[in-house]
């Protein structure tokens, strides 16, 4: 039997903890403003639908540069939260997604939060001498060259 690797803090644990906490605080902001049930992952698709109008899940996924599967799962969660409604599309395989009245009323808050979050991250980046931007750009360059999946496969093959 090997040693349990989860007992030693991982290098990414602190970053994941910060991202998780930031999302929790954003969700708390929504709740303070009467927008219970809004998750940070809903914001981009809701704002996109507000600006571009109803569209199929495939079109929404393309516009967000996301997978159809991930977008479909998000749409399902947003339907449960009464944020979107879906009607049959031009063929039996598609659904056209549109904002509900509730979501339409929340879009100004979501846009304000999006802009505020971007401004806060920019200020943090300034306080940290560009560390957030440099880290993000560095990861992007390295993953463009060699994906995380490729790196993981190699690392697993090298393990005894």
N, C-alpha and C. Protein backbone atom coordinates (compact mmCIF):
# COMPACT_ATOMS: atom_id res chain seq x y z
N UNK A 1 0.85 -1.18 0.00
CA UNK A 1 0.00 0.00 0.00
C UNK A 1 0.89 1.24 0.00
N UNK A 2 0.47 2.26 -0.72
CA UNK A 2 1.25 3.50 -0.80
C UNK A 2 0.77 4.49 0.25
N UNK A 3 1.57 5.52 0.44
CA UNK A 3 1.17 6.60 1.34
C UNK A 3 0.01 7.36 0.69
N UNK A 4 -0.90 7.84 1.52
CA UNK A 4 -2.05 8.60 1.03
C UNK A 4 -1.59 9.99 0.59
N UNK A 5 -1.60 10.29 -0.73
CA UNK A 5 -1.09 11.59 -1.19
C UNK A 5 -1.99 12.77 -0.82
N UNK A 6 -3.22 12.49 -0.41
CA UNK A 6 -4.13 13.59 -0.07
C UNK A 6 -3.88 14.14 1.33
N UNK A 7 -2.98 13.49 2.09
CA UNK A 7 -2.68 13.97 3.45
C UNK A 7 -1.65 15.08 3.45
N UNK A 8 -0.99 15.29 2.33
CA UNK A 8 -0.01 16.37 2.20
C UNK A 8 -0.64 17.47 1.36
N UNK A 9 -0.58 18.71 1.82
CA UNK A 9 -1.17 19.79 1.00
C UNK A 9 -0.56 19.82 -0.40
N UNK A 10 -1.42 19.95 -1.40
CA UNK A 10 -0.97 20.05 -2.78
C UNK A 10 -0.60 21.49 -3.12
N UNK A 11 0.17 21.63 -4.16
CA UNK A 11 0.62 22.97 -4.57
C UNK A 11 -0.54 23.86 -5.01
N UNK A 12 -1.60 23.26 -5.50
CA UNK A 12 -2.73 24.06 -6.01
C UNK A 12 -3.83 24.24 -4.97
N UNK A 13 -3.72 23.60 -3.81
CA UNK A 13 -4.79 23.66 -2.81
C UNK A 13 -5.15 25.09 -2.43
N UNK A 14 -4.15 25.93 -2.18
CA UNK A 14 -4.43 27.31 -1.76
C UNK A 14 -5.13 28.09 -2.86
N UNK A 15 -4.69 27.90 -4.12
CA UNK A 15 -5.34 28.59 -5.23
C UNK A 15 -6.79 28.14 -5.36
N UNK A 16 -7.03 26.84 -5.33
CA UNK A 16 -8.40 26.34 -5.41
C UNK A 16 -9.25 26.87 -4.25
N UNK A 17 -8.66 26.92 -3.06
CA UNK A 17 -9.39 27.44 -1.90
C UNK A 17 -9.77 28.90 -2.12
N UNK A 18 -8.84 29.70 -2.66
CA UNK A 18 -9.16 31.11 -2.93
C UNK A 18 -10.27 31.23 -3.98
N UNK A 19 -10.18 30.47 -5.04
CA UNK A 19 -11.21 30.53 -6.09
C UNK A 19 -12.57 30.09 -5.56
N UNK A 20 -12.57 29.04 -4.75
CA UNK A 20 -13.82 28.57 -4.16
C UNK A 20 -14.41 29.63 -3.23
N UNK A 21 -13.57 30.24 -2.41
CA UNK A 21 -14.03 31.29 -1.49
C UNK A 21 -14.54 32.51 -2.26
N UNK A 22 -13.84 32.88 -3.33
CA UNK A 22 -14.30 34.02 -4.15
C UNK A 22 -15.68 33.73 -4.72
N UNK A 23 -15.89 32.52 -5.24
CA UNK A 23 -17.20 32.16 -5.77
C UNK A 23 -18.26 32.19 -4.68
N UNK A 24 -17.92 31.70 -3.49
CA UNK A 24 -18.87 31.73 -2.37
C UNK A 24 -19.25 33.16 -2.01
N UNK A 25 -18.27 34.05 -2.02
CA UNK A 25 -18.56 35.44 -1.69
C UNK A 25 -19.39 36.12 -2.78
N UNK A 26 -19.16 35.75 -4.03
CA UNK A 26 -19.99 36.29 -5.11
C UNK A 26 -21.42 35.78 -4.96
N UNK A 27 -21.59 34.48 -4.65
CA UNK A 27 -22.94 33.95 -4.42
C UNK A 27 -23.61 34.66 -3.25
N UNK A 28 -22.86 34.97 -2.21
CA UNK A 28 -23.41 35.69 -1.05
C UNK A 28 -23.85 37.10 -1.46
N UNK A 29 -23.08 37.72 -2.35
CA UNK A 29 -23.47 39.04 -2.86
C UNK A 29 -24.83 38.95 -3.56
N UNK A 30 -25.00 37.93 -4.41
CA UNK A 30 -26.28 37.76 -5.09
C UNK A 30 -27.41 37.61 -4.07
N UNK A 31 -27.17 36.77 -3.06
CA UNK A 31 -28.21 36.54 -2.05
C UNK A 31 -28.56 37.83 -1.31
N UNK A 32 -27.54 38.64 -0.98
CA UNK A 32 -27.80 39.93 -0.30
C UNK A 32 -28.66 40.85 -1.15
N UNK A 33 -28.59 40.67 -2.46
CA UNK A 33 -29.37 41.51 -3.37
C UNK A 33 -30.64 40.81 -3.86
N UNK A 34 -31.04 39.76 -3.15
CA UNK A 34 -32.30 39.09 -3.46
C UNK A 34 -32.23 38.17 -4.67
N UNK A 35 -31.06 37.76 -5.06
CA UNK A 35 -30.90 36.90 -6.23
C UNK A 35 -30.47 35.50 -5.80
N UNK A 36 -31.26 34.90 -4.92
CA UNK A 36 -30.96 33.55 -4.46
C UNK A 36 -30.96 32.58 -5.63
N UNK A 37 -30.08 31.60 -5.54
CA UNK A 37 -30.02 30.57 -6.58
C UNK A 37 -29.12 30.90 -7.75
N UNK A 38 -28.58 32.11 -7.79
CA UNK A 38 -27.65 32.47 -8.87
C UNK A 38 -26.28 31.91 -8.52
N UNK A 39 -25.69 31.21 -9.46
CA UNK A 39 -24.34 30.69 -9.31
C UNK A 39 -23.42 31.45 -10.26
N UNK A 40 -22.18 31.65 -9.89
CA UNK A 40 -21.28 32.38 -10.78
C UNK A 40 -21.21 31.79 -12.19
N UNK A 41 -21.33 30.47 -12.33
CA UNK A 41 -21.26 29.88 -13.66
C UNK A 41 -22.48 30.21 -14.53
N UNK A 42 -23.54 30.75 -13.93
CA UNK A 42 -24.73 31.13 -14.69
C UNK A 42 -24.58 32.51 -15.33
N UNK A 43 -23.71 33.33 -14.81
CA UNK A 43 -23.69 34.75 -15.18
C UNK A 43 -23.38 34.96 -16.66
N UNK A 44 -22.32 34.37 -17.15
CA UNK A 44 -21.95 34.57 -18.56
C UNK A 44 -23.09 34.15 -19.50
N UNK A 45 -23.66 32.94 -19.36
CA UNK A 45 -24.74 32.59 -20.28
C UNK A 45 -25.99 33.48 -20.13
N UNK A 46 -26.30 33.88 -18.91
CA UNK A 46 -27.48 34.74 -18.72
C UNK A 46 -27.27 36.10 -19.38
N UNK A 47 -26.11 36.69 -19.18
CA UNK A 47 -25.83 37.99 -19.79
C UNK A 47 -25.79 37.85 -21.31
N UNK A 48 -25.20 36.77 -21.80
CA UNK A 48 -25.14 36.55 -23.25
C UNK A 48 -26.55 36.44 -23.84
N UNK A 49 -27.44 35.70 -23.17
CA UNK A 49 -28.82 35.57 -23.64
C UNK A 49 -29.53 36.92 -23.58
N UNK A 50 -29.21 37.73 -22.57
CA UNK A 50 -29.84 39.05 -22.46
C UNK A 50 -29.45 39.93 -23.64
N UNK A 51 -28.21 39.80 -24.11
CA UNK A 51 -27.74 40.66 -25.18
C UNK A 51 -28.01 40.10 -26.57
N UNK A 52 -27.94 38.77 -26.71
CA UNK A 52 -28.07 38.17 -28.03
C UNK A 52 -29.42 37.51 -28.28
N UNK A 53 -30.25 37.46 -27.25
CA UNK A 53 -31.58 36.90 -27.42
C UNK A 53 -31.61 35.39 -27.32
N UNK A 54 -32.79 34.82 -27.42
CA UNK A 54 -32.92 33.37 -27.34
C UNK A 54 -32.06 32.68 -28.40
N UNK A 55 -31.53 31.54 -28.03
CA UNK A 55 -30.73 30.76 -28.98
C UNK A 55 -30.72 29.30 -28.55
N UNK A 56 -30.31 28.45 -29.46
CA UNK A 56 -30.21 27.03 -29.13
C UNK A 56 -29.05 26.82 -28.16
N UNK A 57 -29.08 25.69 -27.50
CA UNK A 57 -27.99 25.35 -26.59
C UNK A 57 -26.67 25.29 -27.35
N UNK A 58 -26.69 24.74 -28.56
CA UNK A 58 -25.46 24.67 -29.37
C UNK A 58 -24.94 26.05 -29.70
N UNK A 59 -25.84 26.96 -30.08
CA UNK A 59 -25.41 28.33 -30.39
C UNK A 59 -24.88 29.04 -29.14
N UNK A 60 -25.54 28.82 -28.02
CA UNK A 60 -25.08 29.41 -26.77
C UNK A 60 -23.70 28.87 -26.41
N UNK A 61 -23.51 27.57 -26.53
CA UNK A 61 -22.21 26.97 -26.23
C UNK A 61 -21.12 27.57 -27.12
N UNK A 62 -21.41 27.69 -28.41
CA UNK A 62 -20.42 28.28 -29.32
C UNK A 62 -20.10 29.71 -28.93
N UNK A 63 -21.12 30.48 -28.60
CA UNK A 63 -20.89 31.89 -28.26
C UNK A 63 -20.09 32.05 -26.98
N UNK A 64 -20.12 31.04 -26.12
CA UNK A 64 -19.39 31.08 -24.85
C UNK A 64 -18.05 30.35 -24.93
N UNK A 65 -17.77 29.76 -26.09
CA UNK A 65 -16.57 28.92 -26.26
C UNK A 65 -16.55 27.81 -25.21
N UNK A 66 -17.71 27.18 -25.04
CA UNK A 66 -17.87 26.09 -24.08
C UNK A 66 -18.34 24.84 -24.81
N UNK A 67 -18.27 23.72 -24.14
CA UNK A 67 -18.76 22.49 -24.75
C UNK A 67 -20.29 22.45 -24.70
N UNK A 68 -20.86 21.70 -25.62
CA UNK A 68 -22.32 21.53 -25.61
C UNK A 68 -22.75 20.86 -24.32
N UNK A 69 -22.00 19.87 -23.87
CA UNK A 69 -22.34 19.14 -22.66
C UNK A 69 -22.37 20.05 -21.44
N UNK A 70 -21.32 20.84 -21.26
CA UNK A 70 -21.26 21.74 -20.11
C UNK A 70 -22.37 22.78 -20.17
N UNK A 71 -22.63 23.30 -21.37
CA UNK A 71 -23.69 24.31 -21.52
C UNK A 71 -25.05 23.69 -21.25
N UNK A 72 -25.28 22.49 -21.73
CA UNK A 72 -26.54 21.81 -21.49
C UNK A 72 -26.76 21.59 -20.00
N UNK A 73 -25.71 21.19 -19.27
CA UNK A 73 -25.82 21.00 -17.83
C UNK A 73 -26.12 22.32 -17.12
N UNK A 74 -25.49 23.39 -17.57
CA UNK A 74 -25.73 24.70 -16.98
C UNK A 74 -27.16 25.15 -17.26
N UNK A 75 -27.63 24.94 -18.49
CA UNK A 75 -29.01 25.31 -18.84
C UNK A 75 -29.99 24.52 -17.98
N UNK A 76 -29.74 23.24 -17.76
CA UNK A 76 -30.63 22.44 -16.90
C UNK A 76 -30.69 23.02 -15.50
N UNK A 77 -29.53 23.39 -14.95
CA UNK A 77 -29.50 23.99 -13.61
C UNK A 77 -30.20 25.34 -13.59
N UNK A 78 -30.04 26.13 -14.66
CA UNK A 78 -30.69 27.45 -14.71
C UNK A 78 -32.20 27.30 -14.86
N UNK A 79 -32.66 26.25 -15.55
CA UNK A 79 -34.11 26.00 -15.65
C UNK A 79 -34.67 25.71 -14.26
N UNK A 80 -33.96 24.89 -13.49
CA UNK A 80 -34.42 24.55 -12.13
C UNK A 80 -34.49 25.79 -11.25
N UNK A 81 -33.63 26.77 -11.52
CA UNK A 81 -33.61 28.01 -10.74
C UNK A 81 -34.54 29.06 -11.32
N UNK A 82 -35.38 28.69 -12.28
CA UNK A 82 -36.32 29.61 -12.94
C UNK A 82 -35.62 30.81 -13.57
N UNK A 83 -34.49 30.55 -14.22
CA UNK A 83 -33.75 31.62 -14.87
C UNK A 83 -33.89 31.58 -16.39
N UNK A 84 -34.10 30.39 -16.92
CA UNK A 84 -34.30 30.24 -18.36
C UNK A 84 -35.45 29.27 -18.59
N UNK A 85 -36.02 29.40 -19.77
CA UNK A 85 -37.03 28.46 -20.25
C UNK A 85 -36.54 27.95 -21.59
N UNK A 86 -36.89 26.72 -21.91
CA UNK A 86 -36.46 26.13 -23.18
C UNK A 86 -37.69 25.65 -23.93
N UNK A 87 -37.73 26.01 -25.19
CA UNK A 87 -38.79 25.58 -26.09
C UNK A 87 -38.18 24.71 -27.18
N UNK A 88 -38.98 23.84 -27.79
CA UNK A 88 -38.44 23.04 -28.89
C UNK A 88 -37.93 23.96 -30.00
N UNK A 89 -36.80 23.55 -30.58
CA UNK A 89 -36.19 24.31 -31.66
C UNK A 89 -36.73 23.90 -33.01
N UNK A 90 -36.02 24.29 -34.06
CA UNK A 90 -36.48 24.01 -35.42
C UNK A 90 -36.56 22.52 -35.74
N UNK A 91 -35.81 21.69 -35.01
CA UNK A 91 -35.94 20.25 -35.21
C UNK A 91 -36.07 19.58 -33.84
N UNK A 92 -36.34 18.32 -33.82
CA UNK A 92 -36.62 17.62 -32.57
C UNK A 92 -35.41 17.52 -31.65
N UNK A 93 -34.22 17.75 -32.18
CA UNK A 93 -33.01 17.59 -31.37
C UNK A 93 -32.58 18.86 -30.67
N UNK A 94 -33.17 19.99 -30.98
CA UNK A 94 -32.69 21.25 -30.42
C UNK A 94 -33.71 21.88 -29.48
N UNK A 95 -33.19 22.70 -28.59
CA UNK A 95 -34.01 23.51 -27.69
C UNK A 95 -33.55 24.95 -27.83
N UNK A 96 -34.50 25.86 -27.83
CA UNK A 96 -34.17 27.28 -27.85
C UNK A 96 -34.33 27.79 -26.43
N UNK A 97 -33.27 28.40 -25.91
CA UNK A 97 -33.23 28.85 -24.52
C UNK A 97 -33.46 30.36 -24.49
N UNK A 98 -34.31 30.79 -23.56
CA UNK A 98 -34.59 32.22 -23.38
C UNK A 98 -34.64 32.54 -21.90
N UNK A 99 -34.37 33.78 -21.58
CA UNK A 99 -34.44 34.23 -20.19
C UNK A 99 -35.88 34.26 -19.71
N UNK A 100 -36.07 33.96 -18.43
CA UNK A 100 -37.37 34.17 -17.80
C UNK A 100 -37.45 35.63 -17.36
N UNK A 101 -38.62 36.05 -16.92
CA UNK A 101 -38.77 37.41 -16.40
C UNK A 101 -37.86 37.63 -15.20
N UNK A 102 -37.75 36.60 -14.36
CA UNK A 102 -36.88 36.70 -13.18
C UNK A 102 -35.44 36.98 -13.61
N UNK A 103 -34.94 36.24 -14.57
CA UNK A 103 -33.55 36.43 -15.02
C UNK A 103 -33.37 37.79 -15.66
N UNK A 104 -34.33 38.20 -16.47
CA UNK A 104 -34.24 39.50 -17.13
C UNK A 104 -34.11 40.61 -16.10
N UNK A 105 -34.86 40.49 -15.01
CA UNK A 105 -34.80 41.51 -13.95
C UNK A 105 -33.45 41.49 -13.22
N UNK A 106 -32.78 40.34 -13.22
CA UNK A 106 -31.50 40.21 -12.51
C UNK A 106 -30.29 40.61 -13.35
N UNK A 107 -30.45 40.72 -14.65
CA UNK A 107 -29.30 40.99 -15.52
C UNK A 107 -28.53 42.26 -15.12
N UNK A 108 -29.18 43.38 -14.78
CA UNK A 108 -28.38 44.55 -14.36
C UNK A 108 -27.46 44.25 -13.17
N UNK A 109 -27.94 43.49 -12.19
CA UNK A 109 -27.10 43.10 -11.05
C UNK A 109 -25.95 42.21 -11.52
N UNK A 110 -26.24 41.26 -12.39
CA UNK A 110 -25.21 40.33 -12.86
C UNK A 110 -24.12 41.07 -13.64
N UNK A 111 -24.54 42.02 -14.46
CA UNK A 111 -23.56 42.81 -15.22
C UNK A 111 -22.73 43.69 -14.29
N UNK A 112 -23.38 44.27 -13.28
CA UNK A 112 -22.65 45.11 -12.32
C UNK A 112 -21.64 44.27 -11.54
N UNK A 113 -22.05 43.08 -11.11
CA UNK A 113 -21.12 42.19 -10.40
C UNK A 113 -19.96 41.79 -11.30
N UNK A 114 -20.25 41.47 -12.56
CA UNK A 114 -19.19 41.06 -13.51
C UNK A 114 -18.14 42.16 -13.63
N UNK A 115 -18.63 43.39 -13.84
CA UNK A 115 -17.70 44.52 -13.98
C UNK A 115 -16.93 44.78 -12.68
N UNK A 116 -17.63 44.67 -11.55
CA UNK A 116 -16.98 44.90 -10.26
C UNK A 116 -15.93 43.82 -9.98
N UNK A 117 -16.25 42.58 -10.28
CA UNK A 117 -15.28 41.50 -10.08
C UNK A 117 -14.05 41.73 -10.94
N UNK A 118 -14.26 42.12 -12.19
CA UNK A 118 -13.13 42.39 -13.09
C UNK A 118 -12.27 43.53 -12.53
N UNK A 119 -12.92 44.57 -12.01
CA UNK A 119 -12.18 45.70 -11.45
C UNK A 119 -11.41 45.29 -10.19
N UNK A 120 -12.01 44.47 -9.35
CA UNK A 120 -11.34 44.01 -8.13
C UNK A 120 -10.12 43.15 -8.49
N UNK A 121 -10.28 42.26 -9.45
CA UNK A 121 -9.16 41.42 -9.86
C UNK A 121 -8.06 42.28 -10.48
N UNK A 122 -8.42 43.29 -11.25
CA UNK A 122 -7.42 44.20 -11.83
C UNK A 122 -6.65 44.92 -10.72
N UNK A 123 -7.36 45.37 -9.68
CA UNK A 123 -6.68 46.04 -8.56
C UNK A 123 -5.76 45.06 -7.80
N UNK A 124 -6.24 43.84 -7.60
CA UNK A 124 -5.40 42.83 -6.97
C UNK A 124 -4.15 42.56 -7.81
N UNK A 125 -4.33 42.51 -9.12
CA UNK A 125 -3.21 42.29 -10.02
C UNK A 125 -2.20 43.43 -9.89
N UNK A 126 -2.71 44.66 -9.78
CA UNK A 126 -1.82 45.81 -9.59
C UNK A 126 -1.08 45.71 -8.26
N UNK A 127 -1.80 45.33 -7.19
CA UNK A 127 -1.19 45.20 -5.87
C UNK A 127 -0.12 44.11 -5.85
N UNK A 128 -0.29 43.10 -6.71
CA UNK A 128 0.64 41.97 -6.76
C UNK A 128 1.62 42.09 -7.93
N UNK A 129 1.82 43.32 -8.40
CA UNK A 129 2.77 43.58 -9.49
C UNK A 129 2.52 42.71 -10.72
N UNK A 130 1.25 42.55 -11.07
CA UNK A 130 0.90 41.82 -12.29
C UNK A 130 0.93 40.31 -12.17
N UNK A 131 1.00 39.80 -10.95
CA UNK A 131 1.14 38.35 -10.75
C UNK A 131 -0.03 37.57 -11.33
N UNK A 132 -1.25 38.06 -11.18
CA UNK A 132 -2.42 37.34 -11.68
C UNK A 132 -2.34 37.25 -13.20
N UNK A 133 -2.06 38.37 -13.85
CA UNK A 133 -1.95 38.39 -15.30
C UNK A 133 -0.80 37.52 -15.78
N UNK A 134 0.34 37.64 -15.15
CA UNK A 134 1.51 36.86 -15.56
C UNK A 134 1.27 35.36 -15.38
N UNK A 135 0.67 34.98 -14.25
CA UNK A 135 0.37 33.57 -14.02
C UNK A 135 -0.59 33.05 -15.09
N UNK A 136 -1.67 33.79 -15.34
CA UNK A 136 -2.66 33.36 -16.31
C UNK A 136 -2.07 33.26 -17.71
N UNK A 137 -1.31 34.28 -18.11
CA UNK A 137 -0.68 34.25 -19.43
C UNK A 137 0.33 33.12 -19.54
N UNK A 138 1.09 32.90 -18.47
CA UNK A 138 2.06 31.82 -18.48
C UNK A 138 1.41 30.45 -18.60
N UNK A 139 0.34 30.24 -17.84
CA UNK A 139 -0.38 28.97 -17.94
C UNK A 139 -0.95 28.78 -19.35
N UNK A 140 -1.52 29.84 -19.89
CA UNK A 140 -2.10 29.75 -21.24
C UNK A 140 -1.02 29.36 -22.25
N UNK A 141 0.12 30.03 -22.21
CA UNK A 141 1.21 29.70 -23.15
C UNK A 141 1.65 28.25 -22.99
N UNK A 142 1.83 27.84 -21.77
CA UNK A 142 2.33 26.48 -21.55
C UNK A 142 1.30 25.43 -21.93
N UNK A 143 0.03 25.68 -21.63
CA UNK A 143 -1.00 24.70 -22.00
C UNK A 143 -1.29 24.74 -23.49
N UNK A 144 -1.06 25.86 -24.15
CA UNK A 144 -1.17 25.89 -25.61
C UNK A 144 -0.09 25.01 -26.23
N UNK A 145 1.08 24.99 -25.59
CA UNK A 145 2.21 24.19 -26.09
C UNK A 145 2.01 22.71 -25.77
N UNK A 146 1.53 22.44 -24.54
CA UNK A 146 1.35 21.07 -24.08
C UNK A 146 0.24 21.06 -23.03
N UNK A 147 -0.84 20.36 -23.31
CA UNK A 147 -2.03 20.42 -22.46
C UNK A 147 -1.79 19.80 -21.08
N UNK A 148 -2.67 20.12 -20.17
CA UNK A 148 -2.62 19.52 -18.84
C UNK A 148 -2.80 18.01 -18.96
N UNK A 149 -3.69 17.56 -19.83
CA UNK A 149 -3.92 16.12 -20.00
C UNK A 149 -2.64 15.41 -20.46
N UNK A 150 -1.93 16.00 -21.39
CA UNK A 150 -0.68 15.41 -21.85
C UNK A 150 0.34 15.35 -20.71
N UNK A 151 0.41 16.42 -19.94
CA UNK A 151 1.34 16.47 -18.82
C UNK A 151 0.98 15.42 -17.76
N UNK A 152 -0.31 15.27 -17.49
CA UNK A 152 -0.75 14.27 -16.51
C UNK A 152 -0.44 12.86 -16.99
N UNK A 153 -0.73 12.57 -18.25
CA UNK A 153 -0.44 11.24 -18.80
C UNK A 153 1.04 10.91 -18.64
N UNK A 154 1.91 11.87 -18.97
CA UNK A 154 3.35 11.65 -18.83
C UNK A 154 3.74 11.43 -17.38
N UNK A 155 3.19 12.23 -16.48
CA UNK A 155 3.53 12.12 -15.07
C UNK A 155 3.08 10.77 -14.50
N UNK A 156 1.92 10.29 -14.91
CA UNK A 156 1.44 8.99 -14.43
C UNK A 156 2.32 7.87 -14.97
N UNK A 157 2.72 7.98 -16.23
CA UNK A 157 3.59 6.94 -16.81
C UNK A 157 4.94 6.89 -16.09
N UNK A 158 5.42 8.01 -15.58
CA UNK A 158 6.72 8.06 -14.91
C UNK A 158 6.67 7.54 -13.47
N UNK A 159 5.46 7.38 -12.92
CA UNK A 159 5.35 6.91 -11.53
C UNK A 159 5.75 5.45 -11.44
N UNK A 160 6.37 5.09 -10.31
CA UNK A 160 6.77 3.67 -10.13
C UNK A 160 5.57 2.76 -9.96
